[in-house]
Amino acid sequence: MRFFSDNAASVHPKVLEAIARVNQVDTAYDGDALSRSLDAAFSEMFECDVAALWVSTGTAANALALASLCPPHGSVICHAEAHIQIDECGAPEFYTHGAKLLLGQGEGAKLSPDSIRAIAGSIRKDVHQAQPHAVSITNATEYGLTYGAGDVSAIGALTKELGLRLHMDGARFANAVVSTGEAPADLTWRGGVDALSFGFVKNGGMSAEALIFFDPELAEATRYRRKRGGHLLSKGRYLAAQILAMLEDGLWLENARAANAGAATLGQAAGPRLVYPVEANEVFIRVKAEEAARLRAQGFDFYDWAPGEIRLVTSWDQPPHEVSALATAIAKL
């Protein structure tokens, strides 16, 4: 019974059906009708004109986004535990051709305006230090906490004041939207976000993520970076088909609701063991080594996180009986 990562979740049947439907000869790369319809589909969702590019991984989406917002001689402010810092093997630095990551702190991997201002203010305004050009936040964060519209707007106002661009790593953006109950537009461009890495793979997709630019002009150079970086797939229609299938009839939200509900059940069972409030589909709880071993002996699979902590991740396809069984096992510890 796996609770170690939503990356391991199955592909939603509607996504597989969409892939099968486009399995015929068509225009290569991103010239097909499905790929060309992504701008309109996401523009409707976000209530503004956007440029939307498919890519095959979240790492590529993040790195390409940051390359569009920060020059090689600049720097990006992010949390010290951000995915772009901890889990992307230097891809942001690689795709930006050397931009520096400036690391901040904040409870539950959330940056605050104060922490961002402190980092930006510590950089001398001379050629000997990499000047900040962008801020990157993750919604939901690496600890499952969410930025509401007010949080995003506060950071967006500061980045505008400081002349910085704002990127959002939305690997679990769907979970954040469901959790906050706020409109995608309010969680992004209305709050000052310039680029969004919109995750689908963790939420029922197979191999497609979306890179959304709220300033469409930013997408033009990114199309070349995507090709140069090896992410312009020759059969792009298969990626576009996945994304459009997830958007149809709100499937992306339906899947996220299921994942969040499973996490909420586990959070209730954990009670005082919770490290952070459960706001998306990740649950961090305090357990002793022998208690973790007892859970594993009952068939539950999960990550050991920090010392004395484990991480449980629920997925859109998590069988309810597995969630109930784990909740019961946690309550009995």
Protein backbone atom coordinates (compact mmCIF):
# COMPACT_ATOMS: atom_id res chain seq x y z
CA MET A 1 0.00 0.00 0.00
CA ARG A 2 1.97 2.92 -1.34
CA PHE A 3 2.00 6.34 0.26
CA PHE A 4 5.49 7.36 -0.78
CA SER A 5 4.77 9.58 -3.80
CA ASP A 6 1.98 10.72 -6.09
CA ASN A 7 4.52 10.42 -8.91
CA ALA A 8 3.85 6.69 -8.73
CA ALA A 9 0.09 7.04 -9.17
CA SER A 10 -1.63 5.47 -12.14
CA VAL A 11 -2.64 7.36 -15.27
CA HIS A 12 -6.30 8.31 -15.35
CA PRO A 13 -8.29 6.24 -17.89
CA LYS A 14 -9.54 9.39 -19.61
CA VAL A 15 -5.93 10.42 -20.22
CA LEU A 16 -5.12 7.04 -21.76
CA GLU A 17 -8.23 7.28 -23.92
CA ALA A 18 -7.16 10.73 -25.12
CA ILE A 19 -3.72 9.42 -26.05
CA ALA A 20 -5.29 6.56 -28.01
CA ARG A 21 -7.54 8.95 -29.92
CA VAL A 22 -4.60 10.92 -31.30
CA ASN A 23 -2.61 7.82 -32.27
CA GLN A 24 -2.60 8.60 -35.97
CA VAL A 25 -0.49 10.56 -38.42
CA ASP A 26 -0.50 14.28 -37.69
CA THR A 27 1.74 17.33 -37.79
CA ALA A 28 4.97 16.93 -35.83
CA TYR A 29 6.31 18.83 -32.81
CA ASP A 30 3.83 21.46 -31.57
CA GLY A 31 2.15 22.28 -34.85
CA ASP A 32 -0.85 20.02 -34.32
CA ALA A 33 -4.31 21.35 -33.52
CA LEU A 34 -4.26 20.09 -29.92
CA SER A 35 -0.96 21.76 -29.06
CA ARG A 36 -2.10 24.96 -30.72
CA SER A 37 -5.31 24.96 -28.67
CA LEU A 38 -3.52 25.03 -25.32
CA ASP A 39 -3.24 28.83 -25.25
CA ALA A 40 -7.00 29.20 -25.58
CA ALA A 41 -7.80 26.47 -23.06
CA PHE A 42 -5.60 27.96 -20.37
CA SER A 43 -6.58 31.53 -21.23
CA GLU A 44 -10.17 30.58 -20.47
CA MET A 45 -9.18 28.97 -17.19
CA PHE A 46 -7.06 31.90 -16.04
CA GLU A 47 -9.38 34.60 -17.40
CA CYS A 48 -6.60 36.34 -19.32
CA ASP A 49 -4.44 35.80 -22.39
CA VAL A 50 -1.65 33.33 -21.67
CA ALA A 51 0.91 31.35 -23.61
CA ALA A 52 0.98 27.64 -22.71
CA LEU A 53 3.75 25.21 -23.63
CA TRP A 54 3.81 21.52 -22.93
CA VAL A 55 6.93 19.92 -21.50
CA SER A 56 7.54 16.38 -20.32
CA THR A 57 8.75 16.98 -16.75
CA GLY A 58 8.23 19.37 -13.88
CA THR A 59 11.96 19.95 -13.65
CA ALA A 60 12.00 21.13 -17.25
CA ALA A 61 9.02 23.39 -16.63
CA ASN A 62 10.69 25.00 -13.61
CA ALA A 63 14.07 25.38 -15.23
CA LEU A 64 12.71 26.79 -18.49
CA ALA A 65 10.51 29.21 -16.59
CA LEU A 66 13.40 30.52 -14.53
CA ALA A 67 15.58 30.85 -17.62
CA SER A 68 12.94 33.17 -19.06
CA LEU A 69 12.89 35.31 -15.91
CA CYS A 70 16.54 35.49 -14.87
CA PRO A 71 19.74 36.12 -16.88
CA PRO A 72 22.89 34.01 -16.36
CA HIS A 73 24.50 36.71 -14.23
CA GLY A 74 21.46 37.05 -11.95
CA SER A 75 19.93 35.15 -9.06
CA VAL A 76 16.62 33.62 -8.00
CA ILE A 77 15.30 33.83 -4.45
CA CYS A 78 13.69 30.59 -3.26
CA HIS A 79 13.19 28.60 -0.07
CA ALA A 80 16.14 26.52 1.13
CA GLU A 81 13.96 23.41 0.82
CA ALA A 82 12.43 24.28 -2.53
CA HIS A 83 12.33 21.54 -5.13
CA ILE A 84 14.47 23.66 -7.47
CA GLN A 85 17.19 23.67 -4.80
CA ILE A 86 16.94 20.18 -3.31
CA ASP A 87 15.64 17.86 -6.02
CA GLU A 88 16.49 19.12 -9.50
CA CYS A 89 20.19 18.28 -9.75
CA GLY A 90 21.20 21.81 -10.72
CA ALA A 91 18.76 22.01 -13.64
CA PRO A 92 17.76 25.65 -12.91
CA GLU A 93 21.41 26.68 -12.87
CA PHE A 94 22.02 24.66 -16.03
CA TYR A 95 19.11 26.08 -18.03
CA THR A 96 19.75 29.65 -16.88
CA HIS A 97 23.44 29.19 -17.80
CA GLY A 98 24.65 29.85 -14.29
CA ALA A 99 22.13 31.97 -12.39
CA LYS A 100 22.50 31.63 -8.62
CA LEU A 101 19.83 30.42 -6.18
CA LEU A 102 19.55 32.58 -3.04
CA LEU A 103 18.07 30.52 -0.22
CA GLY A 104 15.54 31.76 2.31
CA GLN A 105 13.79 30.29 5.32
CA GLY A 106 10.18 29.98 6.38
CA GLU A 107 7.96 27.53 8.24
CA GLY A 108 6.80 24.63 6.11
CA ALA A 109 8.93 25.74 3.14
CA LYS A 110 6.87 28.93 2.71
CA LEU A 111 8.58 32.20 1.87
CA SER A 112 7.21 35.41 3.34
CA PRO A 113 7.61 38.97 2.06
CA ASP A 114 9.89 39.67 5.02
CA SER A 115 12.20 36.76 4.22
CA ILE A 116 12.35 37.77 0.56
CA ARG A 117 13.07 41.40 1.43
CA ALA A 118 15.83 40.33 3.82
CA ILE A 119 17.57 38.29 1.14
CA ALA A 120 17.21 40.96 -1.53
CA GLY A 121 18.42 43.61 0.89
CA SER A 122 21.55 41.63 1.71
CA ILE A 123 22.84 41.83 -1.86
CA ARG A 124 25.12 44.76 -2.60
CA LYS A 125 24.23 46.73 -5.69
CA ASP A 126 27.51 46.15 -7.49
CA VAL A 127 28.95 43.81 -10.10
CA HIS A 128 30.59 41.56 -7.50
CA GLN A 129 27.30 39.94 -6.46
CA ALA A 130 24.60 38.21 -8.48
CA GLN A 131 21.64 40.59 -8.44
CA PRO A 132 18.16 39.12 -7.75
CA HIS A 133 15.93 38.98 -10.82
CA ALA A 134 13.20 36.57 -9.74
CA VAL A 135 11.48 34.86 -6.83
CA SER A 136 10.22 31.28 -6.98
CA ILE A 137 7.54 29.92 -4.63
CA THR A 138 5.95 26.46 -4.54
CA ASN A 139 2.19 25.95 -4.22
CA ALA A 140 1.52 23.61 -2.51
CA THR A 141 4.91 23.67 -0.77
CA GLU A 142 7.28 20.79 -0.24
CA TYR A 143 5.58 20.32 3.15
CA GLY A 144 2.06 20.47 1.77
CA LEU A 145 1.25 24.02 2.88
CA THR A 146 -0.59 26.37 0.56
CA TYR A 147 -0.24 30.00 -0.45
CA GLY A 148 -3.67 31.59 -0.55
CA ALA A 149 -4.50 34.51 -2.82
CA GLY A 150 -3.57 36.94 -0.04
CA ASP A 151 -0.18 35.30 0.42
CA VAL A 152 0.54 35.40 -3.30
CA SER A 153 -0.58 39.01 -3.61
CA ALA A 154 1.65 40.09 -0.73
CA ILE A 155 4.68 38.47 -2.35
CA GLY A 156 3.67 39.75 -5.77
CA ALA A 157 3.42 43.31 -4.50
CA LEU A 158 6.90 43.04 -3.04
CA THR A 159 8.43 41.57 -6.18
CA LYS A 160 6.90 44.40 -8.20
CA GLU A 161 8.30 46.93 -5.74
CA LEU A 162 11.75 45.36 -6.02
CA GLY A 163 11.57 44.97 -9.80
CA LEU A 164 11.63 41.16 -9.66
CA ARG A 165 9.71 38.52 -11.62
CA LEU A 166 7.65 35.87 -9.82
CA HIS A 167 7.57 32.15 -10.66
CA MET A 168 5.29 29.55 -9.09
CA ASP A 169 6.23 25.88 -9.00
CA GLY A 170 2.78 24.33 -9.26
CA ALA A 171 3.65 20.65 -9.30
CA ARG A 172 0.65 20.32 -6.96
CA PHE A 173 -1.17 23.45 -8.11
CA ALA A 174 -4.44 21.50 -8.44
CA ASN A 175 -4.22 20.46 -4.79
CA ALA A 176 -3.63 24.09 -3.77
CA VAL A 177 -6.62 25.31 -5.79
CA VAL A 178 -8.89 22.71 -4.19
CA SER A 179 -7.53 23.39 -0.71
CA THR A 180 -7.87 27.17 -0.83
CA GLY A 181 -11.09 27.19 -2.82
CA GLU A 182 -9.76 30.20 -4.71
CA ALA A 183 -9.74 30.83 -8.44
CA PRO A 184 -6.63 29.87 -10.44
CA ALA A 185 -6.37 33.50 -11.57
CA ASP A 186 -6.35 34.75 -7.97
CA LEU A 187 -3.59 32.32 -7.03
CA THR A 188 -1.42 33.38 -9.96
CA TRP A 189 -1.40 36.42 -12.23
CA ARG A 190 -3.79 38.58 -10.22
CA GLY A 191 -1.30 38.19 -7.38
CA GLY A 192 1.67 39.03 -9.58
CA VAL A 193 2.83 35.62 -10.84
CA ASP A 194 4.60 35.84 -14.21
CA ALA A 195 5.11 32.14 -14.93
CA LEU A 196 3.53 28.95 -13.58
CA SER A 197 4.77 25.38 -13.81
CA PHE A 198 1.40 23.61 -13.89
CA GLY A 199 1.70 19.99 -12.77
CA PHE A 200 -0.38 17.17 -14.23
CA VAL A 201 1.77 14.05 -13.83
CA LYS A 202 1.23 13.80 -10.05
CA ASN A 203 -2.51 14.27 -10.57
CA GLY A 204 -3.42 11.60 -13.10
CA GLY A 205 -1.33 12.55 -16.13
CA MET A 206 1.30 10.35 -17.71
CA SER A 207 4.10 12.46 -19.17
CA ALA A 208 2.91 16.01 -19.66
CA GLU A 209 3.21 19.23 -17.69
CA ALA A 210 2.25 22.75 -18.73
CA LEU A 211 4.37 25.88 -18.60
CA ILE A 212 2.10 28.93 -18.41
CA PHE A 213 3.30 32.46 -19.16
CA PHE A 214 0.99 35.27 -18.08
CA ASP A 215 3.12 37.60 -20.18
CA PRO A 216 2.90 35.75 -23.52
CA GLU A 217 6.00 37.51 -24.83
CA LEU A 218 8.08 35.53 -22.34
CA ALA A 219 7.16 32.35 -24.18
CA GLU A 220 8.86 33.29 -27.44
CA ALA A 221 12.45 32.75 -26.35
CA THR A 222 11.35 29.78 -24.24
CA ARG A 223 10.23 27.95 -27.38
CA TYR A 224 13.86 28.03 -28.51
CA ARG A 225 15.15 27.04 -25.08
CA ARG A 226 12.74 24.12 -25.04
CA LYS A 227 14.11 22.88 -28.35
CA ARG A 228 17.74 23.50 -27.39
CA GLY A 229 17.19 21.70 -24.09
CA GLY A 230 15.82 18.59 -25.78
CA HIS A 231 12.21 19.01 -24.68
CA LEU A 232 10.52 19.69 -28.02
CA LEU A 233 9.02 16.25 -28.52
CA SER A 234 8.33 15.27 -32.11
CA LYS A 235 4.92 13.84 -31.20
CA GLY A 236 3.75 16.72 -29.05
CA ARG A 237 0.10 15.95 -29.68
CA TYR A 238 0.33 13.12 -27.15
CA LEU A 239 1.31 15.59 -24.44
CA ALA A 240 -1.32 18.12 -25.44
CA ALA A 241 -3.97 15.38 -25.46
CA GLN A 242 -3.13 14.46 -21.86
CA ILE A 243 -3.39 18.03 -20.65
CA LEU A 244 -6.65 18.74 -22.45
CA ALA A 245 -8.17 15.52 -21.11
CA MET A 246 -7.33 16.62 -17.59
CA LEU A 247 -8.87 20.05 -18.13
CA GLU A 248 -12.08 18.67 -19.63
CA ASP A 249 -15.00 18.71 -17.19
CA GLY A 250 -12.67 19.70 -14.34
CA LEU A 251 -10.97 16.31 -14.08
CA TRP A 252 -7.82 17.98 -12.68
CA LEU A 253 -9.87 19.34 -9.76
CA GLU A 254 -11.78 16.11 -9.23
CA ASN A 255 -8.53 14.17 -8.93
CA ALA A 256 -7.03 16.71 -6.56
CA ARG A 257 -10.11 16.58 -4.32
CA ALA A 258 -9.74 12.83 -4.01
CA ALA A 259 -6.06 13.10 -3.09
CA ASN A 260 -6.66 15.92 -0.60
CA ALA A 261 -9.52 14.03 1.04
CA GLY A 262 -7.30 11.03 1.65
CA ALA A 263 -4.65 13.22 3.24
CA ALA A 264 -7.25 14.90 5.46
CA THR A 265 -8.32 11.49 6.77
CA LEU A 266 -4.73 10.61 7.65
CA GLY A 267 -4.20 14.00 9.25
CA GLN A 268 -7.20 13.52 11.52
CA ALA A 269 -5.86 10.14 12.59
CA ALA A 270 -2.40 11.56 13.30
CA GLY A 271 -3.69 14.30 15.62
CA PRO A 272 -0.85 15.72 17.73
CA ARG A 273 1.72 13.79 15.72
CA LEU A 274 1.27 16.20 12.80
CA VAL A 275 4.35 18.26 11.98
CA TYR A 276 2.39 20.69 9.78
CA PRO A 277 -1.31 21.24 9.11
CA VAL A 278 -2.66 19.15 6.24
CA GLU A 279 -3.54 21.59 3.46
CA ALA A 280 -3.00 19.49 0.34
CA ASN A 281 -2.13 15.83 -0.21
CA GLU A 282 1.03 15.47 1.89
CA VAL A 283 1.05 14.47 5.54
CA PHE A 284 4.11 14.74 7.78
CA ILE A 285 3.91 12.97 11.13
CA ARG A 286 6.23 12.28 14.03
CA VAL A 287 6.95 8.61 14.66
CA LYS A 288 9.67 6.67 16.40
CA ALA A 289 11.79 4.28 14.37
CA GLU A 290 10.03 1.28 15.85
CA GLU A 291 6.64 2.79 15.07
CA ALA A 292 7.64 3.34 11.44
CA ALA A 293 8.74 -0.28 11.33
CA ARG A 294 5.35 -1.38 12.67
CA LEU A 295 3.57 0.54 9.91
CA ARG A 296 5.81 -0.99 7.26
CA ALA A 297 5.23 -4.44 8.69
CA GLN A 298 1.53 -3.91 7.99
CA GLY A 299 2.26 -3.21 4.33
CA PHE A 300 2.43 0.59 4.21
CA ASP A 301 5.12 2.19 2.07
CA PHE A 302 6.34 5.76 2.71
CA TYR A 303 9.41 7.96 2.95
CA ASP A 304 11.43 8.54 6.08
CA TRP A 305 11.76 12.33 5.99
CA ALA A 306 13.57 14.20 8.76
CA PRO A 307 14.77 12.31 11.84
CA GLY A 308 11.68 11.12 13.68
CA GLU A 309 9.36 12.14 10.84
CA ILE A 310 7.76 10.34 7.94
CA ARG A 311 6.01 11.66 4.85
CA LEU A 312 2.76 10.21 3.57
CA VAL A 313 1.45 11.25 0.15
CA THR A 314 -2.03 10.40 -1.06
CA SER A 315 -2.89 10.14 -4.74
CA TRP A 316 -5.98 10.66 -6.86
CA ASP A 317 -6.36 6.89 -7.24
CA GLN A 318 -5.66 5.90 -3.61
CA PRO A 319 -8.07 3.09 -2.69
CA PRO A 320 -10.27 4.29 0.21
CA HIS A 321 -9.76 1.05 2.10
CA GLU A 322 -5.99 1.65 2.10
CA VAL A 323 -6.46 5.16 3.47
CA SER A 324 -8.78 3.84 6.18
CA ALA A 325 -6.37 1.04 7.05
CA LEU A 326 -3.44 3.45 7.41
CA ALA A 327 -5.52 5.90 9.43
CA THR A 328 -6.46 3.10 11.82
CA ALA A 329 -2.85 1.94 12.08
CA ILE A 330 -1.64 5.47 12.86
CA ALA A 331 -4.33 5.97 15.49
CA LYS A 332 -3.25 2.73 17.21
CA LEU A 333 0.44 3.70 17.47
